[in-house]
Protein backbone atom coordinates (compact mmCIF):
# COMPACT_ATOMS: atom_id res chain seq x y z
CA UNK A 1 0.00 0.00 0.00
CA UNK A 2 1.20 3.45 -0.84
CA UNK A 3 1.43 6.00 1.97
CA UNK A 4 1.23 9.72 1.31
CA UNK A 5 4.30 11.07 3.09
CA UNK A 6 3.79 13.98 5.45
CA UNK A 7 6.48 15.98 3.66
CA UNK A 8 4.83 15.58 0.27
CA UNK A 9 1.44 16.35 1.80
CA UNK A 10 2.87 19.51 3.34
CA UNK A 11 4.25 20.56 -0.04
CA UNK A 12 0.79 20.17 -1.60
CA UNK A 13 -0.86 22.18 1.19
CA UNK A 14 1.75 24.95 0.98
CA UNK A 15 1.23 25.16 -2.78
CA UNK A 16 -2.50 25.57 -2.25
CA UNK A 17 -2.06 28.25 0.42
CA UNK A 18 0.49 30.25 -1.56
CA UNK A 19 -1.63 29.90 -4.67
CA UNK A 20 -4.78 31.02 -2.86
CA UNK A 21 -3.01 34.10 -1.49
CA UNK A 22 -1.76 35.00 -4.96
CA UNK A 23 -5.20 34.50 -6.49
CA UNK A 24 -6.80 36.76 -3.87
CA UNK A 25 -4.11 39.37 -4.50
CA UNK A 26 -4.81 39.16 -8.22
CA UNK A 27 -8.51 39.83 -7.70
CA UNK A 28 -7.88 42.68 -5.26
CA UNK A 29 -5.49 44.46 -7.63
CA UNK A 30 -7.60 43.96 -10.75
CA UNK A 31 -10.20 46.60 -9.90
CA UNK A 32 -8.81 49.81 -11.39
CA UNK A 33 -10.64 53.12 -11.43
CA UNK A 34 -11.24 54.98 -14.67
CA UNK A 35 -8.59 57.56 -13.78
CA UNK A 36 -6.03 54.86 -12.90
CA UNK A 37 -6.54 53.09 -16.23
CA UNK A 38 -6.35 56.38 -18.11
CA UNK A 39 -3.10 57.29 -16.35
CA UNK A 40 -1.72 53.81 -17.02
CA UNK A 41 -2.47 54.07 -20.74
CA UNK A 42 -0.86 57.49 -20.95
CA UNK A 43 2.23 56.15 -19.16
CA UNK A 44 2.43 53.19 -21.53
CA UNK A 45 2.15 55.51 -24.50
CA UNK A 46 4.91 57.78 -23.24
CA UNK A 47 7.23 54.90 -22.31
CA UNK A 48 6.77 52.66 -25.33
CA UNK A 49 5.61 55.10 -27.96
CA UNK A 50 2.73 52.80 -28.85
CA UNK A 51 2.04 49.22 -27.92
CA UNK A 52 -0.88 48.73 -25.58
CA UNK A 53 -1.46 52.45 -25.17
CA UNK A 54 -1.13 53.45 -28.80
CA UNK A 55 -4.83 53.65 -29.52
CA UNK A 56 -5.48 55.69 -26.42
CA UNK A 57 -2.61 58.04 -27.25
CA UNK A 58 -3.94 58.51 -30.74
CA UNK A 59 -7.42 59.30 -29.51
CA UNK A 60 -6.07 61.61 -26.82
CA UNK A 61 -3.95 63.48 -29.36
CA UNK A 62 -6.85 63.81 -31.76
CA UNK A 63 -9.08 64.90 -28.91
CA UNK A 64 -6.54 67.56 -27.85
CA UNK A 65 -5.97 68.74 -31.42
CA UNK A 66 -9.70 69.10 -31.90
CA UNK A 67 -9.89 71.27 -28.80
CA UNK A 68 -7.07 73.47 -30.11
CA UNK A 69 -8.58 73.66 -33.59
CA UNK A 70 -12.02 74.37 -32.21
CA UNK A 71 -10.61 77.13 -30.02
CA UNK A 72 -8.69 78.73 -32.88
CA UNK A 73 -11.64 78.34 -35.21
CA UNK A 74 -13.86 79.87 -32.54
CA UNK A 75 -11.56 82.91 -32.33
CA UNK A 76 -11.47 83.17 -36.11
CA UNK A 77 -15.26 82.91 -36.15
CA UNK A 78 -15.57 85.78 -33.68
CA UNK A 79 -13.20 87.91 -35.79
CA UNK A 80 -15.14 87.04 -38.92
CA UNK A 81 -18.41 88.02 -37.28
CA UNK A 82 -16.90 91.34 -36.13
CA UNK A 83 -15.65 92.06 -39.63
CA UNK A 84 -19.05 91.22 -41.09
CA UNK A 85 -20.80 93.53 -38.65
CA UNK A 86 -18.36 96.35 -39.42
CA UNK A 87 -18.82 95.77 -43.13
CA UNK A 88 -22.58 95.86 -42.67
CA UNK A 89 -22.46 99.18 -40.79
CA UNK A 90 -20.15 100.67 -43.42
CA UNK A 91 -22.49 99.50 -46.14
CA UNK A 92 -25.42 101.15 -44.41
CA UNK A 93 -23.52 104.46 -44.04
CA UNK A 94 -22.38 104.41 -47.66
CA UNK A 95 -25.89 103.68 -48.85
CA UNK A 96 -27.25 106.56 -46.77
CA UNK A 97 -24.64 108.97 -48.15
CA UNK A 98 -25.36 107.83 -51.68
CA UNK A 99 -29.06 108.32 -51.09
CA UNK A 100 -28.53 111.88 -49.83
CA UNK A 101 -26.23 112.77 -52.73
CA UNK A 102 -28.59 111.36 -55.28
CA UNK A 103 -31.53 113.18 -53.72
CA UNK A 104 -29.65 116.47 -53.83
CA UNK A 105 -28.51 115.96 -57.42
CA UNK A 106 -31.94 114.96 -58.67
CA UNK A 107 -33.93 117.50 -56.73
CA UNK A 108 -35.98 118.38 -59.80
CA UNK A 109 -37.23 114.83 -60.46
CA UNK A 110 -40.68 113.68 -59.58
CA UNK A 111 -41.45 112.41 -56.11
CA UNK A 112 -42.48 109.00 -57.46
CA UNK A 113 -39.08 108.42 -59.05
CA UNK A 114 -37.38 109.36 -55.85
CA UNK A 115 -39.62 107.02 -53.87
CA UNK A 116 -38.89 104.14 -56.28
CA UNK A 117 -35.14 104.60 -55.95
CA UNK A 118 -35.48 104.83 -52.19
CA UNK A 119 -37.42 101.56 -52.18
CA UNK A 120 -34.74 99.90 -54.30
CA UNK A 121 -32.12 101.11 -51.87
CA UNK A 122 -34.01 99.64 -48.93
CA UNK A 123 -34.38 96.30 -50.74
CA UNK A 124 -30.66 96.19 -51.44
CA UNK A 125 -29.97 96.95 -47.79
CA UNK A 126 -32.28 94.11 -46.67
CA UNK A 127 -30.58 91.71 -49.10
CA UNK A 128 -27.21 92.65 -47.68
CA UNK A 129 -28.52 92.05 -44.16
CA UNK A 130 -29.90 88.63 -45.18
CA UNK A 131 -26.60 87.56 -46.73
CA UNK A 132 -24.69 88.64 -43.64
CA UNK A 133 -27.12 86.85 -41.36
CA UNK A 134 -26.85 83.69 -43.48
CA UNK A 135 -23.08 83.78 -43.27
CA UNK A 136 -23.21 84.17 -39.50
CA UNK A 137 -25.67 81.26 -39.20
CA UNK A 138 -23.46 79.12 -41.41
CA UNK A 139 -20.50 79.80 -39.15
CA UNK A 140 -22.62 78.99 -36.12
CA UNK A 141 -23.60 75.64 -37.65
CA UNK A 142 -19.93 74.94 -38.34
CA UNK A 143 -19.12 75.52 -34.70
CA UNK A 144 -21.85 73.06 -33.70
CA UNK A 145 -20.32 70.44 -36.02
CA UNK A 146 -16.96 70.81 -34.33
CA UNK A 147 -18.64 70.45 -30.94
CA UNK A 148 -20.22 67.18 -32.06
CA UNK A 149 -16.83 65.97 -33.29
CA UNK A 150 -15.26 66.74 -29.92
CA UNK A 151 -18.04 64.88 -28.14
CA UNK A 152 -17.56 61.84 -30.43
CA UNK A 153 -13.84 61.69 -29.72
CA UNK A 154 -14.43 62.11 -26.01
CA UNK A 155 -16.95 59.26 -26.11
CA UNK A 156 -14.53 57.03 -28.06
CA UNK A 157 -11.79 57.75 -25.56
CA UNK A 158 -14.07 56.94 -22.63
CA UNK A 159 -15.25 53.69 -24.23
CA UNK A 160 -11.67 52.60 -24.88
CA UNK A 161 -10.60 53.26 -21.29
CA UNK A 162 -13.65 51.37 -19.98
CA UNK A 163 -12.86 48.48 -22.34
CA UNK A 164 -9.29 48.23 -21.02
CA UNK A 165 -10.64 48.54 -17.47
CA UNK A 166 -12.89 45.53 -18.12
CA UNK A 167 -10.01 43.53 -19.64
CA UNK A 168 -7.89 44.13 -16.54
CA UNK A 169 -10.76 42.96 -14.34
CA UNK A 170 -11.11 39.82 -16.50
CA UNK A 171 -7.51 38.72 -16.03
CA UNK A 172 -7.68 36.99 -12.59
CA UNK A 173 -10.90 35.23 -13.60
CA UNK A 174 -9.33 34.02 -16.83
CA UNK A 175 -6.08 32.93 -15.17
CA UNK A 176 -8.05 30.95 -12.58
CA UNK A 177 -10.20 29.38 -15.28
CA UNK A 178 -7.25 28.37 -17.49
CA UNK A 179 -5.44 26.61 -14.62
CA UNK A 180 -8.64 24.93 -13.38
CA UNK A 181 -9.47 23.63 -16.85
CA UNK A 182 -5.90 22.46 -17.47
CA UNK A 183 -5.77 20.17 -14.43
CA UNK A 184 -9.34 18.99 -14.98
CA UNK A 185 -8.59 18.02 -18.58
CA UNK A 186 -5.57 15.98 -17.43
CA UNK A 187 -7.79 13.80 -15.26
CA UNK A 188 -10.43 13.55 -18.01
CA UNK A 189 -7.78 12.53 -20.54
CA UNK A 190 -6.52 9.85 -18.15
CA UNK A 191 -10.08 8.57 -17.68
CA UNK A 192 -10.46 8.15 -21.44
CA UNK A 193 -7.10 6.35 -21.67
CA UNK A 194 -8.14 4.12 -18.76
CA UNK A 195 -11.41 3.19 -20.50
CA UNK A 196 -9.53 2.36 -23.70
CA UNK A 197 -7.31 -0.10 -21.79
CA UNK A 198 -10.37 -2.01 -20.59
CA UNK A 199 -12.27 -1.81 -23.88
CA UNK A 200 -9.20 -3.00 -25.83
CA UNK A 201 -8.34 -5.62 -23.17
CA UNK A 202 -4.77 -4.37 -23.28
CA UNK A 203 -2.21 -6.73 -21.78
CA UNK A 204 0.67 -4.32 -21.17
CA UNK A 205 -1.09 -1.78 -18.93
CA UNK A 206 -2.78 -3.49 -15.90
CA UNK A 207 0.20 -2.61 -13.70
CA UNK A 208 -0.57 1.06 -14.40
CA UNK A 209 -4.35 1.00 -13.99
CA UNK A 210 -4.33 1.88 -10.28
CA UNK A 211 -2.16 4.89 -11.06
CA UNK A 212 -4.78 5.98 -13.58
CA UNK A 213 -7.55 5.47 -11.03
CA UNK A 214 -5.73 7.72 -8.60
CA UNK A 215 -5.33 10.50 -11.18
CA UNK A 216 -8.99 10.32 -12.20
CA UNK A 217 -10.02 10.96 -8.57
CA UNK A 218 -9.47 14.64 -9.32
CA UNK A 219 -12.06 14.68 -12.11
CA UNK A 220 -15.23 15.25 -10.05
CA UNK A 221 -13.97 18.15 -7.88
CA UNK A 222 -11.93 19.55 -10.76
CA UNK A 223 -14.86 19.60 -13.20
CA UNK A 224 -17.20 21.13 -10.61
CA UNK A 225 -14.63 23.86 -9.98
CA UNK A 226 -14.40 24.65 -13.70
CA UNK A 227 -18.17 24.83 -14.05
CA UNK A 228 -18.40 26.89 -10.86
CA UNK A 229 -15.86 29.46 -12.06
CA UNK A 230 -17.67 29.75 -15.39
CA UNK A 231 -21.04 30.34 -13.73
CA UNK A 232 -19.70 32.70 -11.07
CA UNK A 233 -17.94 34.81 -13.69
CA UNK A 234 -21.34 35.49 -15.25
CA UNK A 235 -23.27 36.02 -12.03
CA UNK A 236 -21.05 37.28 -9.22
CA UNK A 237 -18.54 38.70 -11.69
CA UNK A 238 -19.24 41.10 -14.53
CA UNK A 239 -19.39 38.55 -17.38
CA UNK A 240 -15.61 38.21 -17.14
CA UNK A 241 -15.16 35.12 -19.32
CA UNK A 242 -18.26 34.48 -21.45
CA UNK A 243 -19.70 37.62 -23.05
CA UNK A 244 -22.82 35.75 -24.19
CA UNK A 245 -23.88 35.71 -20.52
CA UNK A 246 -24.25 39.52 -20.66
CA UNK A 247 -27.87 40.45 -21.57
CA UNK A 248 -26.79 43.85 -22.93
CA UNK A 249 -24.33 42.24 -25.33
CA UNK A 250 -26.91 39.71 -26.49
CA UNK A 251 -29.51 42.44 -27.04
CA UNK A 252 -27.18 44.21 -29.49
CA UNK A 253 -25.61 41.18 -31.18
CA UNK A 254 -27.69 39.36 -33.76
CA UNK A 255 -25.21 36.48 -34.11
CA UNK A 256 -25.32 35.67 -30.39
CA UNK A 257 -29.09 36.09 -30.41
CA UNK A 258 -29.32 33.36 -33.05
CA UNK A 259 -27.25 31.08 -30.81
CA UNK A 260 -29.07 31.95 -27.59
CA UNK A 261 -31.14 28.76 -27.75
CA UNK A 262 -27.90 26.88 -27.04
CA UNK A 263 -25.81 29.56 -25.33
CA UNK A 264 -27.86 30.48 -22.29
CA UNK A 265 -26.92 30.11 -18.64
CA UNK A 266 -29.56 27.55 -17.48
CA UNK A 267 -28.91 25.20 -20.39
CA UNK A 268 -25.15 25.73 -20.00
CA UNK A 269 -25.35 24.59 -16.36
CA UNK A 270 -27.59 21.62 -17.20
CA UNK A 271 -25.24 20.41 -19.93
CA UNK A 272 -22.25 20.79 -17.62
CA UNK A 273 -23.91 18.76 -14.89
CA UNK A 274 -24.81 16.04 -17.42
CA UNK A 275 -21.18 15.84 -18.56
CA UNK A 276 -19.82 15.69 -15.02
CA UNK A 277 -22.41 13.17 -13.86
CA UNK A 278 -21.67 10.78 -16.73
CA UNK A 279 -17.91 10.98 -16.30
CA UNK A 280 -18.11 10.59 -12.52
CA UNK A 281 -20.50 7.63 -12.66
CA UNK A 282 -18.17 5.75 -14.97
CA UNK A 283 -15.20 6.53 -12.76
CA UNK A 284 -17.10 5.42 -9.66
CA UNK A 285 -18.26 2.06 -11.04
CA UNK A 286 -15.03 1.24 -12.85
CA UNK A 287 -13.09 1.86 -9.64
CA UNK A 288 -15.62 -0.20 -7.67
CA UNK A 289 -15.37 -3.16 -10.08
CA UNK A 290 -11.58 -2.88 -10.19
CA UNK A 291 -11.25 -3.26 -6.42
CA UNK A 292 -13.92 -5.97 -6.28
CA UNK A 293 -12.03 -7.98 -8.91
CA UNK A 294 -9.08 -8.32 -6.51
CA UNK A 295 -11.09 -10.63 -4.25
CA UNK A 296 -13.43 -12.21 -6.83
CA UNK A 297 -13.39 -15.90 -7.76
CA UNK A 298 -13.99 -15.24 -11.45
CA UNK A 299 -13.74 -12.43 -14.01
CA UNK A 300 -17.29 -11.11 -13.71
CA UNK A 301 -16.18 -7.67 -12.47
CA UNK A 302 -13.61 -7.41 -15.22
CA UNK A 303 -16.34 -8.19 -17.76
CA UNK A 304 -18.54 -5.50 -16.22
CA UNK A 305 -15.66 -3.05 -16.46
CA UNK A 306 -15.18 -4.00 -20.10
CA UNK A 307 -18.84 -3.37 -20.92
CA UNK A 308 -19.20 -0.04 -19.15
CA UNK A 309 -15.87 1.12 -20.62
CA UNK A 310 -17.08 0.49 -24.16
CA UNK A 311 -20.33 2.35 -23.44
CA UNK A 312 -18.49 5.18 -21.71
CA UNK A 313 -16.22 5.81 -24.70
CA UNK A 314 -19.28 6.52 -26.84
CA UNK A 315 -20.63 8.90 -24.19
CA UNK A 316 -17.20 10.47 -23.76
CA UNK A 317 -16.56 11.31 -27.40
CA UNK A 318 -19.85 13.22 -27.62
CA UNK A 319 -19.66 14.98 -24.27
CA UNK A 320 -15.99 15.88 -24.65
CA UNK A 321 -16.76 17.66 -27.92
CA UNK A 322 -19.77 19.48 -26.46
CA UNK A 323 -17.77 20.36 -23.36
CA UNK A 324 -15.04 21.91 -25.53
CA UNK A 325 -17.68 23.99 -27.34
CA UNK A 326 -19.26 25.15 -24.09
CA UNK A 327 -16.28 25.64 -21.81
CA UNK A 328 -13.70 26.91 -24.30
CA UNK A 329 -14.95 27.75 -27.79
CA UNK A 330 -17.89 29.84 -26.58
CA UNK A 331 -15.54 32.47 -25.14
CA UNK A 332 -15.43 33.55 -28.82
CA UNK A 333 -19.16 33.18 -29.60
CA UNK A 334 -18.81 34.50 -33.16
CA UNK A 335 -16.16 31.92 -34.09
CA UNK A 336 -16.48 28.18 -34.51
CA UNK A 337 -14.54 25.20 -35.81
CA UNK A 338 -15.89 21.73 -36.52
CA UNK A 339 -12.46 20.33 -35.64
CA UNK A 340 -12.27 21.98 -32.24
CA UNK A 341 -13.53 19.03 -30.18
CA UNK A 342 -10.87 16.72 -31.61
CA UNK A 343 -8.22 19.37 -31.10
CA UNK A 344 -9.04 19.72 -27.40
CA UNK A 345 -9.20 15.92 -27.11
CA UNK A 346 -5.65 15.58 -28.46
CA UNK A 347 -4.39 18.14 -25.96
CA UNK A 348 -6.05 16.49 -22.96
CA UNK A 349 -5.06 12.99 -24.08
CA UNK A 350 -1.34 13.67 -24.47
CA UNK A 351 -1.33 15.68 -21.22
CA UNK A 352 -3.03 12.83 -19.37
CA UNK A 353 -0.61 10.20 -20.68
CA UNK A 354 2.31 12.45 -19.74
CA UNK A 355 1.07 12.72 -16.14
CA UNK A 356 0.58 8.92 -15.98
CA UNK A 357 4.24 8.50 -16.96
CA UNK A 358 5.47 11.06 -14.44
CA UNK A 359 3.44 9.71 -11.51
CA UNK A 360 4.49 6.16 -12.37
CA UNK A 361 8.17 7.11 -12.42
CA UNK A 362 7.81 8.93 -9.10
CA UNK A 363 6.18 5.92 -7.43
CA UNK A 364 8.77 3.56 -8.87
CA UNK A 365 11.58 5.80 -7.61
CA UNK A 366 10.05 5.58 -4.10
CA UNK A 367 10.11 1.77 -4.13
CA UNK A 368 6.51 1.20 -5.24
CA UNK A 369 5.47 -0.52 -8.48
CA UNK A 370 8.60 -2.71 -8.58
CA UNK A 371 7.22 -4.76 -11.47
CA UNK A 372 6.95 -1.73 -13.76
CA UNK A 373 9.93 -1.90 -16.11
CA UNK A 374 11.51 0.19 -18.84
CA UNK A 375 9.21 -1.35 -21.44
CA UNK A 376 6.17 0.15 -19.71
CA UNK A 377 7.92 3.50 -19.63
CA UNK A 378 8.86 3.08 -23.27
CA UNK A 379 5.23 2.48 -24.25
CA UNK A 380 4.04 5.54 -22.33
CA UNK A 381 6.73 7.65 -24.01
CA UNK A 382 5.63 6.28 -27.39
CA UNK A 383 2.09 7.47 -26.68
CA UNK A 384 3.45 10.87 -25.64
CA UNK A 385 5.33 11.08 -28.93
CA UNK A 386 2.46 9.76 -31.06
CA UNK A 387 -0.21 12.04 -29.67
CA UNK A 388 2.09 15.05 -29.86
CA UNK A 389 2.20 14.37 -33.60
CA UNK A 390 -1.57 13.82 -33.62
CA UNK A 391 -2.09 17.17 -31.85
CA UNK A 392 0.13 18.86 -34.43
CA UNK A 393 -1.80 17.26 -37.28
CA UNK A 394 -5.10 18.60 -35.91
CA UNK A 395 -3.65 22.03 -35.13
CA UNK A 396 -2.21 22.38 -38.62
CA UNK A 397 -5.39 21.09 -40.27
CA UNK A 398 -7.49 23.66 -38.45
CA UNK A 399 -5.02 26.50 -38.98
CA UNK A 400 -4.22 25.77 -42.63
CA UNK A 401 -7.85 25.48 -43.75
CA UNK A 402 -8.89 28.70 -42.03
CA UNK A 403 -5.81 30.56 -43.27
CA UNK A 404 -6.23 29.32 -46.85
CA UNK A 405 -9.97 30.10 -47.01
CA UNK A 406 -9.31 33.54 -45.50
CA UNK A 407 -12.93 34.06 -44.48
CA UNK A 408 -13.02 37.14 -42.20
CA UNK A 409 -15.34 35.55 -39.62
CA UNK A 410 -12.91 32.62 -39.22
CA UNK A 411 -9.44 34.04 -39.81
CA UNK A 412 -9.84 36.75 -37.16
CA UNK A 413 -9.35 34.03 -34.51
CA UNK A 414 -5.78 33.35 -35.63
CA UNK A 415 -5.00 36.95 -36.60
CA UNK A 416 -5.65 38.04 -33.02
CA UNK A 417 -3.50 35.28 -31.57
CA UNK A 418 -0.66 35.72 -34.01
CA UNK A 419 -0.65 39.50 -33.60
CA UNK A 420 -1.04 39.89 -29.83
CA UNK A 421 0.15 36.45 -28.65
CA UNK A 422 3.01 35.73 -31.02
CA UNK A 423 5.42 34.43 -28.36
CA UNK A 424 3.03 31.96 -26.65
CA UNK A 425 1.47 31.05 -30.00
CA UNK A 426 4.76 30.09 -31.65
CA UNK A 427 6.26 28.83 -28.38
CA UNK A 428 3.36 26.42 -28.00
CA UNK A 429 4.16 24.87 -31.39
CA UNK A 430 7.81 24.46 -30.44
CA UNK A 431 7.02 22.80 -27.09
CA UNK A 432 4.16 20.62 -28.33
CA UNK A 433 5.62 19.49 -31.65
CA UNK A 434 9.23 20.36 -32.43
CA UNK A 435 10.62 19.47 -29.00
CA UNK A 436 8.81 16.08 -28.64
CA UNK A 437 9.63 15.00 -32.18
CA UNK A 438 13.33 15.74 -31.67
CA UNK A 439 13.62 14.35 -28.15
CA UNK A 440 11.28 11.34 -28.14
CA UNK A 441 11.92 9.99 -31.62
CA UNK A 442 14.94 8.01 -30.45
CA UNK A 443 14.01 4.61 -29.00
CA UNK A 444 16.66 4.62 -26.28
CA UNK A 445 15.65 8.02 -24.95
CA UNK A 446 12.13 6.74 -24.29
CA UNK A 447 13.55 4.32 -21.72
CA UNK A 448 15.50 6.91 -19.68
CA UNK A 449 13.32 8.14 -16.78
CA UNK A 450 14.86 11.59 -16.30
CA UNK A 451 14.73 12.19 -20.05
CA UNK A 452 11.03 11.32 -20.19
CA UNK A 453 10.37 13.57 -17.17
CA UNK A 454 12.12 16.48 -18.87
CA UNK A 455 10.15 15.93 -22.07
CA UNK A 456 6.95 15.58 -20.05
CA UNK A 457 7.44 18.88 -18.24
CA UNK A 458 7.93 20.70 -21.54
CA UNK A 459 4.84 19.03 -23.03
CA UNK A 460 2.70 19.97 -20.02
CA UNK A 461 3.87 23.59 -20.12
CA UNK A 462 3.17 23.66 -23.85
CA UNK A 463 -0.38 22.43 -23.42
CA UNK A 464 -1.03 24.84 -20.57
CA UNK A 465 -0.01 27.61 -22.97
CA UNK A 466 -2.33 26.04 -25.55
CA UNK A 467 -5.29 26.47 -23.18
CA UNK A 468 -3.98 29.93 -22.31
CA UNK A 469 -4.08 30.85 -26.01
CA UNK A 470 -7.63 29.56 -26.31
CA UNK A 471 -9.03 31.66 -23.46
CA UNK A 472 -6.99 34.81 -22.91
CA UNK A 473 -7.33 36.60 -26.30
CA UNK A 474 -11.11 36.60 -25.97
CA UNK A 475 -11.15 37.83 -22.37
CA UNK A 476 -8.15 40.10 -21.79
CA UNK A 477 -7.13 41.00 -25.35
CA UNK A 478 -3.59 42.35 -25.47
CA UNK A 479 -3.56 42.91 -21.68
CA UNK A 480 -1.87 39.56 -21.03
CA UNK A 481 1.34 38.47 -19.38
CA UNK A 482 2.43 35.65 -17.09
CA UNK A 483 2.32 37.15 -13.62
CA UNK A 484 0.99 36.60 -10.12
CA UNK A 485 -2.60 35.61 -11.09
CA UNK A 486 -1.41 33.00 -13.62
CA UNK A 487 1.37 31.48 -11.50
CA UNK A 488 -0.76 31.52 -8.34
CA UNK A 489 -3.62 29.74 -10.10
CA UNK A 490 -1.24 27.02 -11.29
CA UNK A 491 0.11 26.60 -7.74
CA UNK A 492 -3.40 26.48 -6.26
CA UNK A 493 -4.77 23.81 -8.57
CA UNK A 494 -1.44 22.00 -8.84
CA UNK A 495 -1.38 21.61 -5.06
CA UNK A 496 -5.01 20.50 -5.02
CA UNK A 497 -4.32 18.01 -7.82
CA UNK A 498 -1.36 16.50 -5.96
CA UNK A 499 -3.30 16.30 -2.70
CA UNK A 500 -6.36 14.56 -4.18
CA UNK A 501 -4.46 12.21 -6.51
CA UNK A 502 -1.92 10.94 -3.99
CA UNK A 503 -4.56 10.64 -1.29
CA UNK A 504 -6.59 8.45 -3.66
CA UNK A 505 -3.53 6.27 -4.32
CA UNK A 506 -3.46 5.33 -0.63
CA UNK A 507 -6.99 3.86 -0.74
CA UNK A 508 -6.16 0.61 -2.56
CA UNK A 509 -3.12 -1.54 -3.43
CA UNK A 510 -1.15 -0.13 -6.37
CA UNK A 511 -0.96 -3.56 -8.01
CA UNK A 512 -4.07 -5.44 -9.10
CA UNK A 513 -4.36 -9.05 -7.98
CA UNK A 514 -6.90 -10.84 -10.16
CA UNK A 515 -6.97 -8.88 -13.38
CA UNK A 516 -6.89 -11.56 -16.12
CA UNK A 517 -4.02 -9.76 -17.88
CA UNK A 518 -1.89 -8.97 -14.84
CA UNK A 519 0.68 -11.70 -15.54
CA UNK A 520 1.10 -10.51 -19.10
CA UNK A 521 1.72 -7.01 -17.81
CA UNK A 522 4.27 -8.23 -15.24
CA UNK A 523 6.28 -9.99 -17.95
CA UNK A 524 5.84 -7.31 -20.57
CA UNK A 525 9.02 -6.57 -22.51
CA UNK A 526 9.56 -4.69 -25.71
């Protein structure tokens, strides 16, 4: 029987405490006032000459220039009006003088002629007044237009600052969600791999099945945490992860309105509970039958495990795809990919197999699992290598088709990630494809424990960044970096994962006794 050492348990608890403190700090420091965000953007613009604050700087400059132009144009308008008024007075004086001169010169003409000319003079004077008044009104309307322009720029500036303010508030929620989903998907990937071993009646893996059962113990609490964070972000929070939970956004977005029959909070919760219930029931009964088989006189519990595993795999492939649509893809409700479910599956599967290998090597190094040999490790490393290639195949298939078609509604997903997330986007490809294919291709390297651990750590970091790239661009935009909220969330859920998994490993013997393929597994050599 495995015993969870007090030192290792303390490490897990310390990780959770430190992580929780960091997460709380991240939430407390994420609420910035409008003035603080505005000052921050101005500082970024002055320090970097662009970057994150470039748009704000541009709008601020335009806003300031408009004020200056409006002021100068206002002064010019006042001068123009003064000149027009002076011109009008001069015109009136000149017309009066002309009228007097003409009257004196034509004294002998009839009174009717004089009256007619006087009337014409008055009409000309009124026309001049009308033209002057029209010019003044035109200038007044021009001033109103500039006022509207100033108001528009001020409104744009305010909206931009509020948008950045919301992105900053989203960051701790998103960091917590990414870490929670990452560790949950590891346990779900292990559960699928475990079911495949029973359904395929694999002979090499029974020595590792109890390790898989221990890892899958995290699935129920981990999945409930993910669902809880998602729901709380749209109720307690201010729609920090899923914008389709915001009624105001839905009211002004026709695309989301058309999807509201599927993307609504009650149905989202119901689907999530269905997923979690199905996964947890399979894990519960498969674990129950596995332990019962140790003391059974026949293989009836193994047969039951075989049957429910085959049924579970059908349930899993549907619910895993729907889960990936709900819990990840819907953060970008305008974007969709029919390959997305398989893509997430590849990521969780290779991550799960990697953790199986690392936990197995740890237990073997501590004197447990003495019958596990290098051939078992070699097979696990082969799966790590194979599904890294499979992940790359799916990633490239999705990327290449969208890039080649160049449909605006689809390509914007990758444009955003390649523009604002170039380092994690390209780094993810290096860690998830180039590194595994170079390191794990050699047969001998797959049998060296420390080498497999090193490769496994890189693969896990790469797939964490993969989930990071799926969530962060939609929630925080270009306001991302790896800091206290991200690292603290990893520590929190990493500590919880270690605590639950290794506690579960103490509940039953690590080696099965009456599995019909246990002898084949003990003598497995490649």
